[in-house]
Amino acid sequence: MEKSLSKGSKDVSKLTIALPLAAILSLSACASQNAMTGEAKIERVSSYQGGVLPKPDQVLVRDFRMAPEVITIDDSMSARLHSHLNLLTGAGEGDQSSSQAVAQQVQATFSKALLTELKKGHVSARPEAGYAPAGHNLIVRGEFTGIDEGNRSKRVMVGFGRGASDVQAHVTLLLTGRDGAPPVVVSEFTVNSESGQKPGAVVGLGFWMAAVGAATGSIGDKKSTVEGDAARMGESVARQIEKLMVAYDWIAPEQLPLR
């Protein structure tokens, strides 16, 4: 009889663990179906008003500047749990929540998305670092003016823009000349990631379960992070460059992919 009761207690315990886990996984599936899409917001600051410009040989992407004070780290419970779990499991190297780590992640994600999107449009592009440019090149330079990780807990439990991450940048496109001629500023614009206004998915789960789900990544939209923001920004900047290249007859619109 005692063995039977013991077995029943274990079964109940397993069920107690399994039900919340099933709820988390179910909500995770819903979140993935409702993933963030769309482009970042671009506002033009200035554009070239002179004569005909020569076609650049390629696009060179320079690492953007960023000051440490423009980075806001997520200090929510879910973010702290996430960092702790990464350290325990070895999923991340070092402190992934430091300002330096966040800056590196945003820069790497932005540059990769920008270059990948340009190459889809058959535009010759590469990082400027370690390369000695000659001739006419379109240089993409800029500065991240704001990187806010937001609040992971609020993003998951409340939604509707609460706790949203946000990345902002100022971008300048320069056309270099031959024989030491000064570069021409072709375009300047600002970019805002505008992380979305989705509702929270876990109101019924309770605070602790939601915090754990957000920390493990089983709940929440992975695109609603500074990395997701940086990727959308990179893609949007690439499309802005492609539009400019079409306008100056540097490339044919037919070579760009349908989007």
C-alpha atoms as a PDB file:
ATOM      1  CA  MET A   1       0.000   0.000   0.000  1.00  0.00           C
ATOM      2  CA  GLU A   2       2.842   2.375   0.953  1.00  0.00           C
ATOM      3  CA  LYS A   3       4.627   1.567  -2.320  1.00  0.00           C
ATOM      4  CA  SER A   4       1.440   2.360  -4.213  1.00  0.00           C
ATOM      5  CA  LEU A   5       1.077   5.727  -2.438  1.00  0.00           C
ATOM      6  CA  SER A   6       4.737   6.532  -3.080  1.00  0.00           C
ATOM      7  CA  LYS A   7       4.339   5.759  -6.781  1.00  0.00           C
ATOM      8  CA  GLY A   8       1.207   7.920  -6.909  1.00  0.00           C
ATOM      9  CA  SER A   9       3.067  10.828  -5.283  1.00  0.00           C
ATOM     10  CA  LYS A  10       5.852  10.561  -7.864  1.00  0.00           C
ATOM     11  CA  ASP A  11       3.311  10.514 -10.676  1.00  0.00           C
ATOM     12  CA  VAL A  12       1.635  13.646  -9.284  1.00  0.00           C
ATOM     13  CA  SER A  13       5.042  15.324  -8.943  1.00  0.00           C
ATOM     14  CA  LYS A  14       5.900  14.519 -12.563  1.00  0.00           C
ATOM     15  CA  LEU A  15       2.524  15.839 -13.667  1.00  0.00           C
ATOM     16  CA  THR A  16       3.054  19.040 -11.650  1.00  0.00           C
ATOM     17  CA  ILE A  17       6.304  19.641 -13.512  1.00  0.00           C
ATOM     18  CA  ALA A  18       5.037  18.499 -16.902  1.00  0.00           C
ATOM     19  CA  LEU A  19       1.935  20.713 -17.024  1.00  0.00           C
ATOM     20  CA  PRO A  20       3.767  24.058 -16.614  1.00  0.00           C
ATOM     21  CA  LEU A  21       6.424  22.873 -19.059  1.00  0.00           C
ATOM     22  CA  ALA A  22       3.746  21.941 -21.587  1.00  0.00           C
ATOM     23  CA  ALA A  23       2.169  25.360 -21.122  1.00  0.00           C
ATOM     24  CA  ILE A  24       5.515  27.059 -21.700  1.00  0.00           C
ATOM     25  CA  LEU A  25       6.206  25.043 -24.848  1.00  0.00           C
ATOM     26  CA  SER A  26       2.703  25.713 -26.150  1.00  0.00           C
ATOM     27  CA  LEU A  27       3.095  29.447 -25.638  1.00  0.00           C
ATOM     28  CA  SER A  28       6.516  29.291 -27.218  1.00  0.00           C
ATOM     29  CA  ALA A  29       4.929  27.882 -30.368  1.00  0.00           C
ATOM     30  CA  CYS A  30       2.377  30.691 -30.374  1.00  0.00           C
ATOM     31  CA  ALA A  31       5.132  33.265 -29.945  1.00  0.00           C
ATOM     32  CA  SER A  32       7.121  31.837 -32.842  1.00  0.00           C
ATOM     33  CA  GLN A  33       4.065  32.073 -35.098  1.00  0.00           C
ATOM     34  CA  ASN A  34       3.688  35.724 -34.123  1.00  0.00           C
ATOM     35  CA  ALA A  35       7.335  36.678 -34.677  1.00  0.00           C
ATOM     36  CA  MET A  36       8.434  40.240 -35.278  1.00  0.00           C
ATOM     37  CA  THR A  37       8.576  41.238 -38.920  1.00  0.00           C
ATOM     38  CA  GLY A  38       8.927  44.457 -40.884  1.00  0.00           C
ATOM     39  CA  GLU A  39      11.612  47.038 -41.458  1.00  0.00           C
ATOM     40  CA  ALA A  40      13.239  49.562 -39.190  1.00  0.00           C
ATOM     41  CA  LYS A  41      12.185  53.202 -39.435  1.00  0.00           C
ATOM     42  CA  ILE A  42      14.462  55.398 -41.576  1.00  0.00           C
ATOM     43  CA  GLU A  43      14.417  59.198 -41.632  1.00  0.00           C
ATOM     44  CA  ARG A  44      16.537  61.115 -44.136  1.00  0.00           C
ATOM     45  CA  VAL A  45      18.806  63.843 -42.782  1.00  0.00           C
ATOM     46  CA  SER A  46      20.478  65.001 -46.014  1.00  0.00           C
ATOM     47  CA  SER A  47      21.242  63.853 -49.561  1.00  0.00           C
ATOM     48  CA  TYR A  48      23.679  64.824 -52.308  1.00  0.00           C
ATOM     49  CA  GLN A  49      22.448  67.613 -54.580  1.00  0.00           C
ATOM     50  CA  GLY A  50      25.382  67.971 -57.026  1.00  0.00           C
ATOM     51  CA  GLY A  51      26.192  66.567 -60.438  1.00  0.00           C
ATOM     52  CA  VAL A  52      26.596  63.022 -61.700  1.00  0.00           C
ATOM     53  CA  LEU A  53      28.507  60.700 -59.379  1.00  0.00           C
ATOM     54  CA  PRO A  54      30.700  57.825 -60.616  1.00  0.00           C
ATOM     55  CA  LYS A  55      29.606  54.275 -59.926  1.00  0.00           C
ATOM     56  CA  PRO A  56      31.394  52.787 -56.889  1.00  0.00           C
ATOM     57  CA  ASP A  57      33.411  49.615 -57.339  1.00  0.00           C
ATOM     58  CA  GLN A  58      31.970  48.144 -54.152  1.00  0.00           C
ATOM     59  CA  VAL A  59      30.353  48.893 -50.816  1.00  0.00           C
ATOM     60  CA  LEU A  60      32.613  48.873 -47.749  1.00  0.00           C
ATOM     61  CA  VAL A  61      31.027  48.595 -44.312  1.00  0.00           C
ATOM     62  CA  ARG A  62      32.906  50.278 -41.500  1.00  0.00           C
ATOM     63  CA  ASP A  63      32.343  49.314 -37.842  1.00  0.00           C
ATOM     64  CA  PHE A  64      30.014  51.858 -36.262  1.00  0.00           C
ATOM     65  CA  ARG A  65      31.123  53.979 -33.330  1.00  0.00           C
ATOM     66  CA  MET A  66      29.281  53.722 -30.043  1.00  0.00           C
ATOM     67  CA  ALA A  67      29.849  55.314 -26.642  1.00  0.00           C
ATOM     68  CA  PRO A  68      29.423  53.108 -23.534  1.00  0.00           C
ATOM     69  CA  GLU A  69      26.915  55.555 -22.052  1.00  0.00           C
ATOM     70  CA  VAL A  70      24.367  54.946 -24.842  1.00  0.00           C
ATOM     71  CA  ILE A  71      24.024  51.270 -23.850  1.00  0.00           C
ATOM     72  CA  THR A  72      21.296  50.348 -21.355  1.00  0.00           C
ATOM     73  CA  ILE A  73      21.555  46.826 -19.949  1.00  0.00           C
ATOM     74  CA  ASP A  74      18.490  44.739 -19.089  1.00  0.00           C
ATOM     75  CA  ASP A  75      18.590  44.136 -15.334  1.00  0.00           C
ATOM     76  CA  SER A  76      15.243  42.346 -15.067  1.00  0.00           C
ATOM     77  CA  MET A  77      14.894  39.037 -13.235  1.00  0.00           C
ATOM     78  CA  SER A  78      14.471  37.135 -16.496  1.00  0.00           C
ATOM     79  CA  ALA A  79      17.642  38.692 -17.945  1.00  0.00           C
ATOM     80  CA  ARG A  80      19.646  37.852 -14.798  1.00  0.00           C
ATOM     81  CA  LEU A  81      18.355  34.261 -14.875  1.00  0.00           C
ATOM     82  CA  HIS A  82      19.228  34.033 -18.553  1.00  0.00           C
ATOM     83  CA  SER A  83      22.819  35.158 -17.911  1.00  0.00           C
ATOM     84  CA  HIS A  84      23.122  32.762 -14.976  1.00  0.00           C
ATOM     85  CA  LEU A  85      21.840  29.822 -17.044  1.00  0.00           C
ATOM     86  CA  ASN A  86      24.312  30.650 -19.825  1.00  0.00           C
ATOM     87  CA  LEU A  87      27.185  30.556 -17.345  1.00  0.00           C
ATOM     88  CA  LEU A  88      25.980  27.268 -15.850  1.00  0.00           C
ATOM     89  CA  THR A  89      25.487  25.554 -19.203  1.00  0.00           C
ATOM     90  CA  GLY A  90      28.464  27.122 -20.959  1.00  0.00           C
ATOM     91  CA  ALA A  91      26.170  28.525 -23.649  1.00  0.00           C
ATOM     92  CA  GLY A  92      28.015  31.856 -23.603  1.00  0.00           C
ATOM     93  CA  GLU A  93      31.620  32.878 -23.220  1.00  0.00           C
ATOM     94  CA  GLY A  94      32.233  35.274 -20.352  1.00  0.00           C
ATOM     95  CA  ASP A  95      29.678  37.842 -19.217  1.00  0.00           C
ATOM     96  CA  GLN A  96      27.170  38.206 -22.052  1.00  0.00           C
ATOM     97  CA  SER A  97      25.306  40.942 -20.145  1.00  0.00           C
ATOM     98  CA  SER A  98      28.176  43.471 -20.033  1.00  0.00           C
ATOM     99  CA  SER A  99      28.040  46.660 -22.091  1.00  0.00           C
ATOM    100  CA  GLN A 100      31.039  45.528 -24.111  1.00  0.00           C
ATOM    101  CA  ALA A 101      29.447  42.158 -24.917  1.00  0.00           C
ATOM    102  CA  VAL A 102      26.162  43.803 -25.954  1.00  0.00           C
ATOM    103  CA  ALA A 103      28.033  46.299 -28.147  1.00  0.00           C
ATOM    104  CA  GLN A 104      29.937  43.498 -29.890  1.00  0.00           C
ATOM    105  CA  GLN A 105      26.753  41.466 -30.454  1.00  0.00           C
ATOM    106  CA  VAL A 106      24.870  44.429 -31.918  1.00  0.00           C
ATOM    107  CA  GLN A 107      27.771  45.427 -34.186  1.00  0.00           C
ATOM    108  CA  ALA A 108      28.353  41.880 -35.455  1.00  0.00           C
ATOM    109  CA  THR A 109      24.639  41.221 -36.067  1.00  0.00           C
ATOM    110  CA  PHE A 110      24.094  44.557 -37.827  1.00  0.00           C
ATOM    111  CA  SER A 111      27.098  44.178 -40.138  1.00  0.00           C
ATOM    112  CA  LYS A 112      26.266  40.574 -41.013  1.00  0.00           C
ATOM    113  CA  ALA A 113      22.642  41.404 -41.867  1.00  0.00           C
ATOM    114  CA  LEU A 114      23.687  44.449 -43.914  1.00  0.00           C
ATOM    115  CA  LEU A 115      26.268  42.531 -45.963  1.00  0.00           C
ATOM    116  CA  THR A 116      24.000  39.505 -46.436  1.00  0.00           C
ATOM    117  CA  GLU A 117      21.126  41.654 -47.705  1.00  0.00           C
ATOM    118  CA  LEU A 118      23.367  43.571 -50.127  1.00  0.00           C
ATOM    119  CA  LYS A 119      24.752  40.327 -51.541  1.00  0.00           C
ATOM    120  CA  LYS A 120      21.184  39.116 -52.153  1.00  0.00           C
ATOM    121  CA  GLY A 121      20.864  42.118 -54.466  1.00  0.00           C
ATOM    122  CA  HIS A 122      24.123  41.157 -56.212  1.00  0.00           C
ATOM    123  CA  VAL A 123      25.850  44.243 -54.794  1.00  0.00           C
ATOM    124  CA  SER A 124      29.573  43.762 -54.170  1.00  0.00           C
ATOM    125  CA  ALA A 125      30.090  44.443 -50.461  1.00  0.00           C
ATOM    126  CA  ARG A 126      32.596  43.596 -47.744  1.00  0.00           C
ATOM    127  CA  PRO A 127      33.807  44.843 -44.341  1.00  0.00           C
ATOM    128  CA  GLU A 128      36.229  47.747 -44.585  1.00  0.00           C
ATOM    129  CA  ALA A 129      38.448  46.485 -41.740  1.00  0.00           C
ATOM    130  CA  GLY A 130      41.731  45.042 -42.970  1.00  0.00           C
ATOM    131  CA  TYR A 131      41.155  46.265 -46.519  1.00  0.00           C
ATOM    132  CA  ALA A 132      42.972  49.127 -48.250  1.00  0.00           C
ATOM    133  CA  PRO A 133      40.364  50.649 -50.573  1.00  0.00           C
ATOM    134  CA  ALA A 134      41.380  52.246 -53.860  1.00  0.00           C
ATOM    135  CA  GLY A 135      39.279  54.040 -56.442  1.00  0.00           C
ATOM    136  CA  HIS A 136      35.594  54.762 -55.989  1.00  0.00           C
ATOM    137  CA  ASN A 137      33.975  52.970 -53.059  1.00  0.00           C
ATOM    138  CA  LEU A 138      30.758  53.589 -51.172  1.00  0.00           C
ATOM    139  CA  ILE A 139      31.648  53.666 -47.481  1.00  0.00           C
ATOM    140  CA  VAL A 140      28.930  52.899 -44.916  1.00  0.00           C
ATOM    141  CA  ARG A 141      29.901  54.528 -41.655  1.00  0.00           C
ATOM    142  CA  GLY A 142      27.892  55.584 -38.646  1.00  0.00           C
ATOM    143  CA  GLU A 143      27.291  55.622 -34.938  1.00  0.00           C
ATOM    144  CA  PHE A 144      24.911  53.727 -32.697  1.00  0.00           C
ATOM    145  CA  THR A 145      23.218  56.516 -30.761  1.00  0.00           C
ATOM    146  CA  GLY A 146      21.161  54.275 -28.495  1.00  0.00           C
ATOM    147  CA  ILE A 147      21.125  50.593 -27.519  1.00  0.00           C
ATOM    148  CA  ASP A 148      18.489  49.669 -24.957  1.00  0.00           C
ATOM    149  CA  GLU A 149      17.998  45.996 -24.089  1.00  0.00           C
ATOM    150  CA  GLY A 150      14.599  46.813 -22.582  1.00  0.00           C
ATOM    151  CA  ASN A 151      13.042  44.556 -19.967  1.00  0.00           C
ATOM    152  CA  ARG A 152      12.734  40.870 -20.869  1.00  0.00           C
ATOM    153  CA  SER A 153      10.215  40.167 -18.093  1.00  0.00           C
ATOM    154  CA  LYS A 154       7.842  42.988 -19.087  1.00  0.00           C
ATOM    155  CA  ARG A 155       8.196  42.096 -22.772  1.00  0.00           C
ATOM    156  CA  VAL A 156       7.037  38.540 -22.143  1.00  0.00           C
ATOM    157  CA  MET A 157       4.412  39.102 -19.460  1.00  0.00           C
ATOM    158  CA  VAL A 158       2.867  42.424 -20.531  1.00  0.00           C
ATOM    159  CA  GLY A 159       3.747  43.132 -24.160  1.00  0.00           C
ATOM    160  CA  PHE A 160       2.168  46.049 -26.077  1.00  0.00           C
ATOM    161  CA  GLY A 161       5.555  47.803 -26.204  1.00  0.00           C
ATOM    162  CA  ARG A 162       6.277  47.471 -22.474  1.00  0.00           C
ATOM    163  CA  GLY A 163       9.917  46.555 -21.908  1.00  0.00           C
ATOM    164  CA  ALA A 164      10.656  46.796 -25.641  1.00  0.00           C
ATOM    165  CA  SER A 165      14.258  46.787 -26.789  1.00  0.00           C
ATOM    166  CA  ASP A 166      15.439  49.634 -28.988  1.00  0.00           C
ATOM    167  CA  VAL A 167      18.460  50.333 -31.193  1.00  0.00           C
ATOM    168  CA  GLN A 168      19.079  53.649 -32.937  1.00  0.00           C
ATOM    169  CA  ALA A 169      21.827  54.763 -35.289  1.00  0.00           C
ATOM    170  CA  HIS A 170      22.986  57.629 -37.493  1.00  0.00           C
ATOM    171  CA  VAL A 171      24.268  56.429 -40.887  1.00  0.00           C
ATOM    172  CA  THR A 172      26.427  58.257 -43.442  1.00  0.00           C
ATOM    173  CA  LEU A 173      27.166  57.035 -46.980  1.00  0.00           C
ATOM    174  CA  LEU A 174      30.433  58.366 -48.411  1.00  0.00           C
ATOM    175  CA  LEU A 175      31.699  58.011 -51.982  1.00  0.00           C
ATOM    176  CA  THR A 176      35.480  58.006 -52.071  1.00  0.00           C
ATOM    177  CA  GLY A 177      37.361  59.558 -54.976  1.00  0.00           C
ATOM    178  CA  ARG A 178      40.520  58.682 -56.878  1.00  0.00           C
ATOM    179  CA  ASP A 179      43.954  60.253 -56.429  1.00  0.00           C
ATOM    180  CA  GLY A 180      43.242  61.513 -52.934  1.00  0.00           C
ATOM    181  CA  ALA A 181      40.112  63.439 -53.861  1.00  0.00           C
ATOM    182  CA  PRO A 182      37.921  64.215 -50.823  1.00  0.00           C
ATOM    183  CA  PRO A 183      34.955  61.879 -50.292  1.00  0.00           C
ATOM    184  CA  VAL A 184      31.446  63.015 -51.143  1.00  0.00           C
ATOM    185  CA  VAL A 185      28.611  62.631 -48.640  1.00  0.00           C
ATOM    186  CA  VAL A 186      25.944  60.909 -50.720  1.00  0.00           C
ATOM    187  CA  SER A 187      23.329  60.447 -47.995  1.00  0.00           C
ATOM    188  CA  GLU A 188      22.753  60.725 -44.264  1.00  0.00           C
ATOM    189  CA  PHE A 189      19.854  59.192 -42.377  1.00  0.00           C
ATOM    190  CA  THR A 190      18.796  57.936 -38.971  1.00  0.00           C
ATOM    191  CA  VAL A 191      17.545  54.410 -38.264  1.00  0.00           C
ATOM    192  CA  ASN A 192      15.276  53.284 -35.430  1.00  0.00           C
ATOM    193  CA  SER A 193      14.586  49.596 -34.865  1.00  0.00           C
ATOM    194  CA  GLU A 194      11.082  50.213 -33.468  1.00  0.00           C
ATOM    195  CA  SER A 195      10.771  46.935 -31.571  1.00  0.00           C
ATOM    196  CA  GLY A 196       7.061  46.085 -31.771  1.00  0.00           C
ATOM    197  CA  GLN A 197       3.844  46.323 -29.754  1.00  0.00           C
ATOM    198  CA  LYS A 198       2.882  42.666 -29.372  1.00  0.00           C
ATOM    199  CA  PRO A 199       0.746  41.575 -26.396  1.00  0.00           C
ATOM    200  CA  GLY A 200       2.298  39.472 -23.655  1.00  0.00           C
ATOM    201  CA  ALA A 201       1.823  35.739 -24.035  1.00  0.00           C
ATOM    202  CA  VAL A 202       2.052  34.543 -20.448  1.00  0.00           C
ATOM    203  CA  VAL A 203      -0.365  36.515 -18.311  1.00  0.00           C
ATOM    204  CA  GLY A 204      -2.023  33.308 -17.119  1.00  0.00           C
ATOM    205  CA  LEU A 205       1.176  31.498 -16.169  1.00  0.00           C
ATOM    206  CA  GLY A 206       2.183  33.525 -13.149  1.00  0.00           C
ATOM    207  CA  PHE A 207       5.284  35.593 -12.483  1.00  0.00           C
ATOM    208  CA  TRP A 208       7.838  32.898 -11.648  1.00  0.00           C
ATOM    209  CA  MET A 209       6.918  30.563 -14.488  1.00  0.00           C
ATOM    210  CA  ALA A 210       6.972  33.471 -16.925  1.00  0.00           C
ATOM    211  CA  ALA A 211      10.345  34.640 -15.638  1.00  0.00           C
ATOM    212  CA  VAL A 212      11.839  31.161 -16.037  1.00  0.00           C
ATOM    213  CA  GLY A 213      10.310  30.743 -19.496  1.00  0.00           C
ATOM    214  CA  ALA A 214      11.706  34.101 -20.589  1.00  0.00           C
ATOM    215  CA  ALA A 215      15.111  33.306 -19.115  1.00  0.00           C
ATOM    216  CA  THR A 216      15.394  29.943 -20.889  1.00  0.00           C
ATOM    217  CA  GLY A 217      14.156  31.409 -24.170  1.00  0.00           C
ATOM    218  CA  SER A 218      11.192  29.021 -24.345  1.00  0.00           C
ATOM    219  CA  ILE A 219       8.811  31.995 -24.129  1.00  0.00           C
ATOM    220  CA  GLY A 220       9.145  35.227 -26.024  1.00  0.00           C
ATOM    221  CA  ASP A 221       9.987  36.586 -29.426  1.00  0.00           C
ATOM    222  CA  LYS A 222      13.732  36.272 -30.112  1.00  0.00           C
ATOM    223  CA  LYS A 223      13.420  39.034 -32.696  1.00  0.00           C
ATOM    224  CA  SER A 224      12.308  41.463 -29.968  1.00  0.00           C
ATOM    225  CA  THR A 225      15.879  41.819 -28.685  1.00  0.00           C
ATOM    226  CA  VAL A 226      18.721  44.193 -29.488  1.00  0.00           C
ATOM    227  CA  GLU A 227      20.194  41.470 -31.722  1.00  0.00           C
ATOM    228  CA  GLY A 228      16.875  41.142 -33.570  1.00  0.00           C
ATOM    229  CA  ASP A 229      16.655  44.943 -33.767  1.00  0.00           C
ATOM    230  CA  ALA A 230      20.200  45.170 -35.169  1.00  0.00           C
ATOM    231  CA  ALA A 231      19.417  42.522 -37.807  1.00  0.00           C
ATOM    232  CA  ARG A 232      16.297  44.388 -38.991  1.00  0.00           C
ATOM    233  CA  MET A 233      18.277  47.633 -39.058  1.00  0.00           C
ATOM    234  CA  GLY A 234      21.035  46.055 -41.146  1.00  0.00           C
ATOM    235  CA  GLU A 235      18.494  44.755 -43.661  1.00  0.00           C
ATOM    236  CA  SER A 236      16.730  48.145 -43.828  1.00  0.00           C
ATOM    237  CA  VAL A 237      19.997  50.038 -44.343  1.00  0.00           C
ATOM    238  CA  ALA A 238      20.939  47.619 -47.141  1.00  0.00           C
ATOM    239  CA  ARG A 239      17.611  48.247 -48.878  1.00  0.00           C
ATOM    240  CA  GLN A 240      18.108  51.998 -48.489  1.00  0.00           C
ATOM    241  CA  ILE A 241      21.525  51.681 -50.148  1.00  0.00           C
ATOM    242  CA  GLU A 242      20.027  49.622 -52.981  1.00  0.00           C
ATOM    243  CA  LYS A 243      17.341  52.278 -53.589  1.00  0.00           C
ATOM    244  CA  LEU A 244      20.032  54.941 -53.731  1.00  0.00           C
ATOM    245  CA  MET A 245      22.136  52.883 -56.164  1.00  0.00           C
ATOM    246  CA  VAL A 246      19.119  52.434 -58.451  1.00  0.00           C
ATOM    247  CA  ALA A 247      18.381  56.188 -58.282  1.00  0.00           C
ATOM    248  CA  TYR A 248      21.956  56.991 -59.405  1.00  0.00           C
ATOM    249  CA  ASP A 249      21.864  54.306 -62.139  1.00  0.00           C
ATOM    250  CA  TRP A 250      24.642  52.382 -60.431  1.00  0.00           C
ATOM    251  CA  ILE A 251      22.621  49.167 -60.559  1.00  0.00           C
ATOM    252  CA  ALA A 252      19.569  48.007 -62.496  1.00  0.00           C
ATOM    253  CA  PRO A 253      16.370  47.532 -60.485  1.00  0.00           C
ATOM    254  CA  GLU A 254      15.916  44.129 -62.153  1.00  0.00           C
ATOM    255  CA  GLN A 255      18.924  42.694 -60.303  1.00  0.00           C
ATOM    256  CA  LEU A 256      17.321  43.238 -56.909  1.00  0.00           C
ATOM    257  CA  PRO A 257      15.361  40.321 -55.402  1.00  0.00           C
ATOM    258  CA  LEU A 258      11.604  40.508 -54.970  1.00  0.00           C
ATOM    259  CA  ARG A 259      10.736  41.246 -51.333  1.00  0.00           C
END
